[in-house]
Amino acid sequence: MSDAVIELNKLTKQFKTNTAVHKTSFKISRGEIFGIIGQNGAGKSTLLKMIGGLIYPTSGDIRFFNQDSAKSQLYYERMGLLIEEAGLFPGYTAYQNMELLAIFYGMRNRYKQINKLLSLVGLHPTNKTKVKHFSTGMKQRLGIAIALLGSPDVLILDEPINGLDPQGIKEIRELILELNKSGLTIIITSHILEELSKVATRYAIIHQGKIIETVSKHELLLNCEERIEIEVDEAKEVIPFLEESLNIQNYKVINQQTVYIYDSHVENHQIIKRLSTEGIAIHSINKHKQSLEQYFLERTGRAGDGDD
């Protein structure tokens, strides 16, 4: 049986003439922190709203826990959502906001659960400060506590660090990682790949409503790691010289002509000298270093510019 918690198959949402999400397909496995990265207006919130059951897709389908979502709305009850704003009552305290929703849910033993969740997100249950006096970070943490009230299997967070100061960003990041340790599957969106890379285990890049790439954290960091790129006639012919003469162990053969070298002790001129001595022609050799921001902009730039 698949360990996928959520599977999207050609999910599409069209608003009149505007296609906000176009034929999106990917899987999210149990226990992942799945990051959806995209510029403002790329379709992130629309995608989350379809996954969370707030809007219906125009076409395509969603499977939750290996079952067709169309067959039962109960699957949506296993999700906690914080999309756009939490819908807080500004004249009430954090505890009162939680209690109102708990009563609506018909929860028993709600006092114990509310105290536990408020403490978890760093808000004291007995604090009498009204929400209208909360900082943005405090409101975000309360929103996450509310999303967790039904003990969900999946937590969906839409731009949870948006508008926060550095301390607030750090607090939300630490909270997300702590929640994930308990086995909670988390879907999180952002337009800042650098920050998302500190929590997510896998990523989908969305641009103009289309998923243009899905990549694991390991693959992402590898793509942005400093390396020397060599292009030759036959990659397999150069490997023995790289290993034996230059003591290069950390490399990857990309295709028949291309080798990436990740060892930092070697320089371009050493490689050129060694391979030239053996009569091996080098078509190109370049040192590559790319930031996460450059990686993201390069891929969305290739896809073209545009908004929802």
C-alpha atoms as a PDB file:
ATOM      1  CA  MET A   1       0.000   0.000   0.000  1.00  0.00           C
ATOM      2  CA  SER A   2       1.232   3.495  -0.839  1.00  0.00           C
ATOM      3  CA  ASP A   3       2.367   5.715   2.051  1.00  0.00           C
ATOM      4  CA  ALA A   4       0.941   8.746   0.227  1.00  0.00           C
ATOM      5  CA  VAL A   5      -1.344  10.846   2.410  1.00  0.00           C
ATOM      6  CA  ILE A   6      -2.425  13.044  -0.503  1.00  0.00           C
ATOM      7  CA  GLU A   7      -2.318  12.383  -4.251  1.00  0.00           C
ATOM      8  CA  LEU A   8      -3.288  15.004  -6.816  1.00  0.00           C
ATOM      9  CA  ASN A   9      -4.080  13.939 -10.358  1.00  0.00           C
ATOM     10  CA  LYS A  10      -4.307  16.680 -13.013  1.00  0.00           C
ATOM     11  CA  LEU A  11      -5.999  19.022 -10.542  1.00  0.00           C
ATOM     12  CA  THR A  12      -7.285  22.155 -12.275  1.00  0.00           C
ATOM     13  CA  LYS A  13      -9.162  25.228 -11.082  1.00  0.00           C
ATOM     14  CA  GLN A  14     -10.513  27.765 -13.535  1.00  0.00           C
ATOM     15  CA  PHE A  15     -12.207  31.060 -12.664  1.00  0.00           C
ATOM     16  CA  LYS A  16     -14.011  32.178 -15.839  1.00  0.00           C
ATOM     17  CA  THR A  17     -11.163  32.801 -18.292  1.00  0.00           C
ATOM     18  CA  ASN A  18      -8.374  32.563 -15.704  1.00  0.00           C
ATOM     19  CA  THR A  19      -6.817  29.162 -14.963  1.00  0.00           C
ATOM     20  CA  ALA A  20      -5.416  29.532 -11.425  1.00  0.00           C
ATOM     21  CA  VAL A  21      -4.152  25.936 -11.165  1.00  0.00           C
ATOM     22  CA  HIS A  22      -3.472  23.815 -14.245  1.00  0.00           C
ATOM     23  CA  LYS A  23      -3.298  19.985 -14.330  1.00  0.00           C
ATOM     24  CA  THR A  24      -1.308  19.662 -11.122  1.00  0.00           C
ATOM     25  CA  SER A  25      -0.130  16.181 -10.109  1.00  0.00           C
ATOM     26  CA  PHE A  26       2.055  15.145  -7.170  1.00  0.00           C
ATOM     27  CA  LYS A  27       2.048  12.970  -4.046  1.00  0.00           C
ATOM     28  CA  ILE A  28       2.706  13.882  -0.431  1.00  0.00           C
ATOM     29  CA  SER A  29       3.943  11.088   1.824  1.00  0.00           C
ATOM     30  CA  ARG A  30       3.108  10.563   5.470  1.00  0.00           C
ATOM     31  CA  GLY A  31       5.381  12.557   7.792  1.00  0.00           C
ATOM     32  CA  GLU A  32       6.705  14.933   5.132  1.00  0.00           C
ATOM     33  CA  ILE A  33       7.000  18.687   5.365  1.00  0.00           C
ATOM     34  CA  PHE A  34       5.998  19.446   1.797  1.00  0.00           C
ATOM     35  CA  GLY A  35       6.876  22.965   0.673  1.00  0.00           C
ATOM     36  CA  ILE A  36       5.070  24.668  -2.192  1.00  0.00           C
ATOM     37  CA  ILE A  37       7.191  27.567  -3.428  1.00  0.00           C
ATOM     38  CA  GLY A  38       5.955  30.210  -5.823  1.00  0.00           C
ATOM     39  CA  GLN A  39       5.780  33.936  -6.422  1.00  0.00           C
ATOM     40  CA  ASN A  40       2.796  35.913  -5.162  1.00  0.00           C
ATOM     41  CA  GLY A  41      -0.121  35.110  -7.467  1.00  0.00           C
ATOM     42  CA  ALA A  42       1.320  31.797  -8.651  1.00  0.00           C
ATOM     43  CA  GLY A  43      -1.690  29.763  -7.490  1.00  0.00           C
ATOM     44  CA  LYS A  44      -0.468  28.526  -4.092  1.00  0.00           C
ATOM     45  CA  SER A  45      -3.512  29.539  -2.044  1.00  0.00           C
ATOM     46  CA  THR A  46      -5.938  28.227  -4.661  1.00  0.00           C
ATOM     47  CA  LEU A  47      -4.149  24.884  -4.636  1.00  0.00           C
ATOM     48  CA  LEU A  48      -4.302  24.666  -0.834  1.00  0.00           C
ATOM     49  CA  LYS A  49      -7.985  25.573  -0.806  1.00  0.00           C
ATOM     50  CA  MET A  50      -8.739  22.659  -3.132  1.00  0.00           C
ATOM     51  CA  ILE A  51      -6.676  20.255  -1.013  1.00  0.00           C
ATOM     52  CA  GLY A  52      -8.412  21.522   2.128  1.00  0.00           C
ATOM     53  CA  GLY A  53     -11.913  21.248   0.661  1.00  0.00           C
ATOM     54  CA  LEU A  54     -12.671  24.976   0.720  1.00  0.00           C
ATOM     55  CA  ILE A  55     -13.248  25.126  -3.052  1.00  0.00           C
ATOM     56  CA  TYR A  56     -13.967  22.447  -5.625  1.00  0.00           C
ATOM     57  CA  PRO A  57     -11.624  21.744  -8.535  1.00  0.00           C
ATOM     58  CA  THR A  58     -12.826  22.351 -12.073  1.00  0.00           C
ATOM     59  CA  SER A  59     -11.331  19.010 -13.097  1.00  0.00           C
ATOM     60  CA  GLY A  60      -8.939  16.368 -11.846  1.00  0.00           C
ATOM     61  CA  ASP A  61      -9.162  14.500  -8.573  1.00  0.00           C
ATOM     62  CA  ILE A  62      -7.676  14.231  -5.092  1.00  0.00           C
ATOM     63  CA  ARG A  63      -7.032  11.046  -3.113  1.00  0.00           C
ATOM     64  CA  PHE A  64      -6.641  11.119   0.648  1.00  0.00           C
ATOM     65  CA  PHE A  65      -5.161   8.139   2.489  1.00  0.00           C
ATOM     66  CA  ASN A  66      -5.493   6.011  -0.694  1.00  0.00           C
ATOM     67  CA  GLN A  67      -9.200   6.821  -1.036  1.00  0.00           C
ATOM     68  CA  ASP A  68     -11.070   9.015  -3.511  1.00  0.00           C
ATOM     69  CA  SER A  69     -11.950  12.286  -1.736  1.00  0.00           C
ATOM     70  CA  ALA A  70     -15.170  12.577  -3.753  1.00  0.00           C
ATOM     71  CA  LYS A  71     -16.578   9.533  -1.934  1.00  0.00           C
ATOM     72  CA  SER A  72     -16.483  11.072   1.536  1.00  0.00           C
ATOM     73  CA  GLN A  73     -16.188  14.541   3.042  1.00  0.00           C
ATOM     74  CA  LEU A  74     -14.888  12.945   6.250  1.00  0.00           C
ATOM     75  CA  TYR A  75     -11.347  13.024   4.868  1.00  0.00           C
ATOM     76  CA  TYR A  76     -11.347  16.811   5.111  1.00  0.00           C
ATOM     77  CA  GLU A  77     -11.979  16.541   8.850  1.00  0.00           C
ATOM     78  CA  ARG A  78      -8.531  14.990   9.188  1.00  0.00           C
ATOM     79  CA  MET A  79      -6.927  18.276   8.100  1.00  0.00           C
ATOM     80  CA  GLY A  80      -6.096  21.427   9.993  1.00  0.00           C
ATOM     81  CA  LEU A  81      -6.061  24.593   7.881  1.00  0.00           C
ATOM     82  CA  LEU A  82      -4.482  28.006   8.226  1.00  0.00           C
ATOM     83  CA  ILE A  83      -5.063  29.592   4.834  1.00  0.00           C
ATOM     84  CA  GLU A  84      -4.769  33.354   4.456  1.00  0.00           C
ATOM     85  CA  GLU A  85      -6.177  34.636   7.803  1.00  0.00           C
ATOM     86  CA  ALA A  86      -7.253  32.575  10.803  1.00  0.00           C
ATOM     87  CA  GLY A  87     -10.605  34.380  11.240  1.00  0.00           C
ATOM     88  CA  LEU A  88      -9.971  35.363  14.860  1.00  0.00           C
ATOM     89  CA  PHE A  89     -12.345  37.277  17.126  1.00  0.00           C
ATOM     90  CA  PRO A  90     -10.332  40.430  17.986  1.00  0.00           C
ATOM     91  CA  GLY A  91     -12.256  41.209  21.196  1.00  0.00           C
ATOM     92  CA  TYR A  92     -11.607  37.788  22.718  1.00  0.00           C
ATOM     93  CA  THR A  93      -8.535  36.251  24.308  1.00  0.00           C
ATOM     94  CA  ALA A  94      -6.634  33.370  22.729  1.00  0.00           C
ATOM     95  CA  TYR A  95      -8.335  30.923  25.096  1.00  0.00           C
ATOM     96  CA  GLN A  96     -11.799  32.299  24.323  1.00  0.00           C
ATOM     97  CA  ASN A  97     -11.162  32.015  20.576  1.00  0.00           C
ATOM     98  CA  MET A  98     -10.153  28.384  21.015  1.00  0.00           C
ATOM     99  CA  GLU A  99     -13.090  27.644  23.318  1.00  0.00           C
ATOM    100  CA  LEU A 100     -15.664  28.990  20.865  1.00  0.00           C
ATOM    101  CA  LEU A 101     -14.401  26.735  18.116  1.00  0.00           C
ATOM    102  CA  ALA A 102     -14.138  23.744  20.475  1.00  0.00           C
ATOM    103  CA  ILE A 103     -17.787  24.196  21.454  1.00  0.00           C
ATOM    104  CA  PHE A 104     -18.707  24.366  17.769  1.00  0.00           C
ATOM    105  CA  TYR A 105     -16.832  21.093  17.228  1.00  0.00           C
ATOM    106  CA  GLY A 106     -18.693  19.528  20.143  1.00  0.00           C
ATOM    107  CA  MET A 107     -15.407  18.595  21.804  1.00  0.00           C
ATOM    108  CA  ARG A 108     -15.379  16.870  25.171  1.00  0.00           C
ATOM    109  CA  ASN A 109     -12.568  17.601  27.624  1.00  0.00           C
ATOM    110  CA  ARG A 110     -11.889  20.713  25.580  1.00  0.00           C
ATOM    111  CA  TYR A 111     -10.235  22.608  28.442  1.00  0.00           C
ATOM    112  CA  LYS A 112      -7.330  20.178  28.662  1.00  0.00           C
ATOM    113  CA  GLN A 113      -6.851  20.197  24.872  1.00  0.00           C
ATOM    114  CA  ILE A 114      -6.987  23.992  24.632  1.00  0.00           C
ATOM    115  CA  ASN A 115      -4.431  24.418  27.416  1.00  0.00           C
ATOM    116  CA  LYS A 116      -2.141  21.868  25.777  1.00  0.00           C
ATOM    117  CA  LEU A 117      -2.283  23.501  22.326  1.00  0.00           C
ATOM    118  CA  LEU A 118      -1.858  27.076  23.557  1.00  0.00           C
ATOM    119  CA  SER A 119       1.170  26.016  25.588  1.00  0.00           C
ATOM    120  CA  LEU A 120       2.529  24.156  22.550  1.00  0.00           C
ATOM    121  CA  VAL A 121       2.468  27.283  20.369  1.00  0.00           C
ATOM    122  CA  GLY A 122       3.899  29.482  23.122  1.00  0.00           C
ATOM    123  CA  LEU A 123       0.717  31.286  24.212  1.00  0.00           C
ATOM    124  CA  HIS A 124      -0.160  31.152  27.896  1.00  0.00           C
ATOM    125  CA  PRO A 125      -3.721  29.829  28.425  1.00  0.00           C
ATOM    126  CA  THR A 126      -4.441  32.299  31.254  1.00  0.00           C
ATOM    127  CA  ASN A 127      -3.261  35.376  29.331  1.00  0.00           C
ATOM    128  CA  LYS A 128      -6.126  37.911  29.330  1.00  0.00           C
ATOM    129  CA  THR A 129      -4.755  39.984  26.438  1.00  0.00           C
ATOM    130  CA  LYS A 130      -7.306  40.358  23.657  1.00  0.00           C
ATOM    131  CA  VAL A 131      -6.346  39.214  20.169  1.00  0.00           C
ATOM    132  CA  LYS A 132      -6.651  42.753  18.778  1.00  0.00           C
ATOM    133  CA  HIS A 133      -3.530  43.608  20.783  1.00  0.00           C
ATOM    134  CA  PHE A 134      -1.550  40.565  19.521  1.00  0.00           C
ATOM    135  CA  SER A 135       1.497  40.884  17.300  1.00  0.00           C
ATOM    136  CA  THR A 136       1.381  39.268  13.857  1.00  0.00           C
ATOM    137  CA  GLY A 137       3.483  36.382  15.143  1.00  0.00           C
ATOM    138  CA  MET A 138       1.142  35.754  18.085  1.00  0.00           C
ATOM    139  CA  LYS A 139      -1.847  35.706  15.729  1.00  0.00           C
ATOM    140  CA  GLN A 140      -0.079  33.199  13.487  1.00  0.00           C
ATOM    141  CA  ARG A 141       0.686  30.948  16.450  1.00  0.00           C
ATOM    142  CA  LEU A 142      -2.917  31.138  17.613  1.00  0.00           C
ATOM    143  CA  GLY A 143      -4.059  30.309  14.091  1.00  0.00           C
ATOM    144  CA  ILE A 144      -1.859  27.205  14.122  1.00  0.00           C
ATOM    145  CA  ALA A 145      -3.257  26.181  17.533  1.00  0.00           C
ATOM    146  CA  ILE A 146      -6.792  26.498  16.147  1.00  0.00           C
ATOM    147  CA  ALA A 147      -5.829  24.433  13.078  1.00  0.00           C
ATOM    148  CA  LEU A 148      -4.580  21.706  15.449  1.00  0.00           C
ATOM    149  CA  LEU A 149      -7.731  21.675  17.570  1.00  0.00           C
ATOM    150  CA  GLY A 150      -9.263  18.683  15.807  1.00  0.00           C
ATOM    151  CA  SER A 151      -6.055  16.583  16.139  1.00  0.00           C
ATOM    152  CA  PRO A 152      -5.516  16.473  12.360  1.00  0.00           C
ATOM    153  CA  ASP A 153      -3.284  14.084  10.420  1.00  0.00           C
ATOM    154  CA  VAL A 154      -2.338  16.870   7.984  1.00  0.00           C
ATOM    155  CA  LEU A 155      -1.609  20.521   8.776  1.00  0.00           C
ATOM    156  CA  ILE A 156      -1.882  23.029   5.915  1.00  0.00           C
ATOM    157  CA  LEU A 157      -0.171  26.403   6.361  1.00  0.00           C
ATOM    158  CA  ASP A 158      -0.387  29.173   3.776  1.00  0.00           C
ATOM    159  CA  GLU A 159       2.552  31.635   4.015  1.00  0.00           C
ATOM    160  CA  PRO A 160       2.783  31.308   7.840  1.00  0.00           C
ATOM    161  CA  ILE A 161       5.882  33.547   8.081  1.00  0.00           C
ATOM    162  CA  ASN A 162       4.511  36.339   5.880  1.00  0.00           C
ATOM    163  CA  GLY A 163       4.862  39.710   7.604  1.00  0.00           C
ATOM    164  CA  LEU A 164       6.805  38.371  10.585  1.00  0.00           C
ATOM    165  CA  ASP A 165       9.988  39.840  12.018  1.00  0.00           C
ATOM    166  CA  PRO A 166      13.108  37.624  12.275  1.00  0.00           C
ATOM    167  CA  GLN A 167      12.229  36.481  15.799  1.00  0.00           C
ATOM    168  CA  GLY A 168       8.678  35.599  14.733  1.00  0.00           C
ATOM    169  CA  ILE A 169       9.990  33.660  11.724  1.00  0.00           C
ATOM    170  CA  LYS A 170      12.333  31.691  13.996  1.00  0.00           C
ATOM    171  CA  GLU A 171       9.512  30.847  16.405  1.00  0.00           C
ATOM    172  CA  ILE A 172       7.179  29.606  13.650  1.00  0.00           C
ATOM    173  CA  ARG A 173      10.002  27.593  12.072  1.00  0.00           C
ATOM    174  CA  GLU A 174      10.822  25.881  15.376  1.00  0.00           C
ATOM    175  CA  LEU A 175       7.127  25.166  15.976  1.00  0.00           C
ATOM    176  CA  ILE A 176       6.713  23.553  12.538  1.00  0.00           C
ATOM    177  CA  LEU A 177       9.736  21.309  13.097  1.00  0.00           C
ATOM    178  CA  GLU A 178       8.482  20.336  16.566  1.00  0.00           C
ATOM    179  CA  LEU A 179       5.029  19.443  15.221  1.00  0.00           C
ATOM    180  CA  ASN A 180       6.571  17.344  12.474  1.00  0.00           C
ATOM    181  CA  LYS A 181       8.564  15.327  15.036  1.00  0.00           C
ATOM    182  CA  SER A 182       5.257  13.932  16.333  1.00  0.00           C
ATOM    183  CA  GLY A 183       4.560  12.473  12.866  1.00  0.00           C
ATOM    184  CA  LEU A 184       2.288  15.254  11.613  1.00  0.00           C
ATOM    185  CA  THR A 185       2.331  15.719   7.830  1.00  0.00           C
ATOM    186  CA  ILE A 186       2.657  19.413   6.994  1.00  0.00           C
ATOM    187  CA  ILE A 187       2.030  21.304   3.756  1.00  0.00           C
ATOM    188  CA  ILE A 188       3.472  24.810   3.765  1.00  0.00           C
ATOM    189  CA  THR A 189       3.630  27.519   1.107  1.00  0.00           C
ATOM    190  CA  SER A 190       6.052  30.410   0.748  1.00  0.00           C
ATOM    191  CA  HIS A 191       7.538  32.726  -1.861  1.00  0.00           C
ATOM    192  CA  ILE A 192      10.927  32.607  -0.105  1.00  0.00           C
ATOM    193  CA  LEU A 193      12.831  29.409  -0.933  1.00  0.00           C
ATOM    194  CA  GLU A 194      15.710  30.288   1.396  1.00  0.00           C
ATOM    195  CA  GLU A 195      13.402  30.219   4.423  1.00  0.00           C
ATOM    196  CA  LEU A 196      11.347  27.262   3.231  1.00  0.00           C
ATOM    197  CA  SER A 197      14.552  25.242   2.837  1.00  0.00           C
ATOM    198  CA  LYS A 198      15.064  25.376   6.609  1.00  0.00           C
ATOM    199  CA  VAL A 199      11.977  23.255   7.294  1.00  0.00           C
ATOM    200  CA  ALA A 200      10.704  21.425   4.202  1.00  0.00           C
ATOM    201  CA  THR A 201      11.794  17.904   3.237  1.00  0.00           C
ATOM    202  CA  ARG A 202      10.438  18.109  -0.331  1.00  0.00           C
ATOM    203  CA  TYR A 203       9.397  20.938  -2.624  1.00  0.00           C
ATOM    204  CA  ALA A 204       7.116  21.733  -5.525  1.00  0.00           C
ATOM    205  CA  ILE A 205       7.788  24.901  -7.534  1.00  0.00           C
ATOM    206  CA  ILE A 206       4.586  26.429  -8.894  1.00  0.00           C
ATOM    207  CA  HIS A 207       4.485  29.151 -11.556  1.00  0.00           C
ATOM    208  CA  GLN A 208       1.427  30.544 -13.330  1.00  0.00           C
ATOM    209  CA  GLY A 209      -0.637  27.741 -11.840  1.00  0.00           C
ATOM    210  CA  LYS A 210       1.633  24.951 -13.090  1.00  0.00           C
ATOM    211  CA  ILE A 211       3.987  22.732 -11.113  1.00  0.00           C
ATOM    212  CA  ILE A 212       7.255  23.086 -13.006  1.00  0.00           C
ATOM    213  CA  GLU A 213       9.410  20.933 -10.715  1.00  0.00           C
ATOM    214  CA  THR A 214       9.273  18.720  -7.629  1.00  0.00           C
ATOM    215  CA  VAL A 215      12.546  18.126  -5.822  1.00  0.00           C
ATOM    216  CA  SER A 216      13.730  16.606  -2.526  1.00  0.00           C
ATOM    217  CA  LYS A 217      15.736  18.624  -0.021  1.00  0.00           C
ATOM    218  CA  HIS A 218      18.823  16.559  -0.841  1.00  0.00           C
ATOM    219  CA  GLU A 219      18.421  17.206  -4.578  1.00  0.00           C
ATOM    220  CA  LEU A 220      17.820  20.909  -4.007  1.00  0.00           C
ATOM    221  CA  LEU A 221      20.935  21.377  -1.903  1.00  0.00           C
ATOM    222  CA  LEU A 222      22.959  19.269  -4.319  1.00  0.00           C
ATOM    223  CA  ASN A 223      21.826  21.437  -7.242  1.00  0.00           C
ATOM    224  CA  CYS A 224      22.932  24.570  -5.373  1.00  0.00           C
ATOM    225  CA  GLU A 225      26.167  23.129  -3.971  1.00  0.00           C
ATOM    226  CA  GLU A 226      29.486  24.482  -5.259  1.00  0.00           C
ATOM    227  CA  ARG A 227      30.866  22.193  -7.949  1.00  0.00           C
ATOM    228  CA  ILE A 228      33.098  21.959 -10.994  1.00  0.00           C
ATOM    229  CA  GLU A 229      31.280  20.958 -14.180  1.00  0.00           C
ATOM    230  CA  ILE A 230      33.348  19.160 -16.838  1.00  0.00           C
ATOM    231  CA  GLU A 231      32.240  18.276 -20.347  1.00  0.00           C
ATOM    232  CA  VAL A 232      34.353  15.730 -22.296  1.00  0.00           C
ATOM    233  CA  ASP A 233      33.898  13.162 -25.091  1.00  0.00           C
ATOM    234  CA  GLU A 234      33.433  10.177 -22.734  1.00  0.00           C
ATOM    235  CA  ALA A 235      32.820  10.759 -19.033  1.00  0.00           C
ATOM    236  CA  LYS A 236      33.742   7.189 -18.089  1.00  0.00           C
ATOM    237  CA  GLU A 237      37.257   7.666 -19.528  1.00  0.00           C
ATOM    238  CA  VAL A 238      38.134  10.532 -17.164  1.00  0.00           C
ATOM    239  CA  ILE A 239      36.928   8.903 -13.921  1.00  0.00           C
ATOM    240  CA  PRO A 240      40.075   6.770 -13.288  1.00  0.00           C
ATOM    241  CA  PHE A 241      42.333   9.839 -13.653  1.00  0.00           C
ATOM    242  CA  LEU A 242      40.123  11.934 -11.358  1.00  0.00           C
ATOM    243  CA  GLU A 243      40.118   9.246  -8.663  1.00  0.00           C
ATOM    244  CA  GLU A 244      43.732   8.042  -8.839  1.00  0.00           C
ATOM    245  CA  SER A 245      45.702  11.158  -9.727  1.00  0.00           C
ATOM    246  CA  LEU A 246      43.655  13.909  -8.082  1.00  0.00           C
ATOM    247  CA  ASN A 247      42.060  11.879  -5.269  1.00  0.00           C
ATOM    248  CA  ILE A 248      38.565  13.016  -6.269  1.00  0.00           C
ATOM    249  CA  GLN A 249      35.898  10.893  -4.593  1.00  0.00           C
ATOM    250  CA  ASN A 250      32.863  13.144  -4.419  1.00  0.00           C
ATOM    251  CA  TYR A 251      31.591  13.368  -7.990  1.00  0.00           C
ATOM    252  CA  LYS A 252      28.552  12.525 -10.094  1.00  0.00           C
ATOM    253  CA  VAL A 253      28.338  11.382 -13.703  1.00  0.00           C
ATOM    254  CA  ILE A 254      25.434  13.364 -15.126  1.00  0.00           C
ATOM    255  CA  ASN A 255      25.391  11.883 -18.624  1.00  0.00           C
ATOM    256  CA  GLN A 256      27.781  10.382 -21.198  1.00  0.00           C
ATOM    257  CA  GLN A 257      29.733  13.633 -21.555  1.00  0.00           C
ATOM    258  CA  THR A 258      29.282  15.470 -18.238  1.00  0.00           C
ATOM    259  CA  VAL A 259      30.784  15.024 -14.759  1.00  0.00           C
ATOM    260  CA  TYR A 260      30.093  17.161 -11.670  1.00  0.00           C
ATOM    261  CA  ILE A 261      32.907  17.312  -9.072  1.00  0.00           C
ATOM    262  CA  TYR A 262      32.009  18.346  -5.509  1.00  0.00           C
ATOM    263  CA  ASP A 263      35.419  17.925  -3.808  1.00  0.00           C
ATOM    264  CA  SER A 264      36.645  21.322  -2.636  1.00  0.00           C
ATOM    265  CA  HIS A 265      40.366  20.497  -2.553  1.00  0.00           C
ATOM    266  CA  VAL A 266      40.765  20.505  -6.328  1.00  0.00           C
ATOM    267  CA  GLU A 267      40.891  23.476  -8.716  1.00  0.00           C
ATOM    268  CA  ASN A 268      40.022  23.811 -12.406  1.00  0.00           C
ATOM    269  CA  HIS A 269      43.643  24.220 -13.527  1.00  0.00           C
ATOM    270  CA  GLN A 270      44.677  20.962 -11.795  1.00  0.00           C
ATOM    271  CA  ILE A 271      41.995  19.037 -13.673  1.00  0.00           C
ATOM    272  CA  ILE A 272      42.895  20.664 -17.002  1.00  0.00           C
ATOM    273  CA  LYS A 273      46.586  19.882 -16.535  1.00  0.00           C
ATOM    274  CA  ARG A 274      45.992  16.237 -15.572  1.00  0.00           C
ATOM    275  CA  LEU A 275      43.516  15.429 -18.354  1.00  0.00           C
ATOM    276  CA  SER A 276      45.588  17.297 -20.964  1.00  0.00           C
ATOM    277  CA  THR A 277      48.601  15.176 -20.003  1.00  0.00           C
ATOM    278  CA  GLU A 278      46.534  12.092 -20.812  1.00  0.00           C
ATOM    279  CA  GLY A 279      45.422  13.560 -24.137  1.00  0.00           C
ATOM    280  CA  ILE A 280      41.792  13.926 -23.057  1.00  0.00           C
ATOM    281  CA  ALA A 281      40.028  16.861 -24.718  1.00  0.00           C
ATOM    282  CA  ILE A 282      37.982  19.085 -22.394  1.00  0.00           C
ATOM    283  CA  HIS A 283      35.094  20.766 -24.172  1.00  0.00           C
ATOM    284  CA  SER A 284      34.242  22.946 -21.163  1.00  0.00           C
ATOM    285  CA  ILE A 285      35.058  23.293 -17.473  1.00  0.00           C
ATOM    286  CA  ASN A 286      33.216  25.696 -15.169  1.00  0.00           C
ATOM    287  CA  LYS A 287      32.914  26.364 -11.470  1.00  0.00           C
ATOM    288  CA  HIS A 288      29.274  26.540 -10.470  1.00  0.00           C
ATOM    289  CA  LYS A 289      27.778  28.114  -7.355  1.00  0.00           C
ATOM    290  CA  GLN A 290      24.098  28.991  -7.130  1.00  0.00           C
ATOM    291  CA  SER A 291      22.049  30.408  -4.263  1.00  0.00           C
ATOM    292  CA  LEU A 292      18.618  29.015  -3.471  1.00  0.00           C
ATOM    293  CA  GLU A 293      17.094  32.297  -4.623  1.00  0.00           C
ATOM    294  CA  GLN A 294      18.925  32.082  -7.954  1.00  0.00           C
ATOM    295  CA  TYR A 295      17.793  28.475  -8.357  1.00  0.00           C
ATOM    296  CA  PHE A 296      14.151  29.472  -7.849  1.00  0.00           C
ATOM    297  CA  LEU A 297      14.302  32.539 -10.077  1.00  0.00           C
ATOM    298  CA  GLU A 298      16.067  30.611 -12.828  1.00  0.00           C
ATOM    299  CA  ARG A 299      13.281  28.035 -12.973  1.00  0.00           C
ATOM    300  CA  THR A 300      10.396  30.486 -12.780  1.00  0.00           C
ATOM    301  CA  GLY A 301      12.203  32.739 -15.250  1.00  0.00           C
ATOM    302  CA  ARG A 302      12.407  29.901 -17.744  1.00  0.00           C
ATOM    303  CA  ALA A 303       8.678  29.408 -17.369  1.00  0.00           C
ATOM    304  CA  GLY A 304       7.976  33.077 -18.105  1.00  0.00           C
ATOM    305  CA  ASP A 305       6.391  35.866 -16.108  1.00  0.00           C
ATOM    306  CA  GLY A 306       2.775  36.290 -15.095  1.00  0.00           C
ATOM    307  CA  ASP A 307       0.205  36.430 -12.312  1.00  0.00           C
ATOM    308  CA  ASP A 308      -2.935  34.625 -11.273  1.00  0.00           C
END
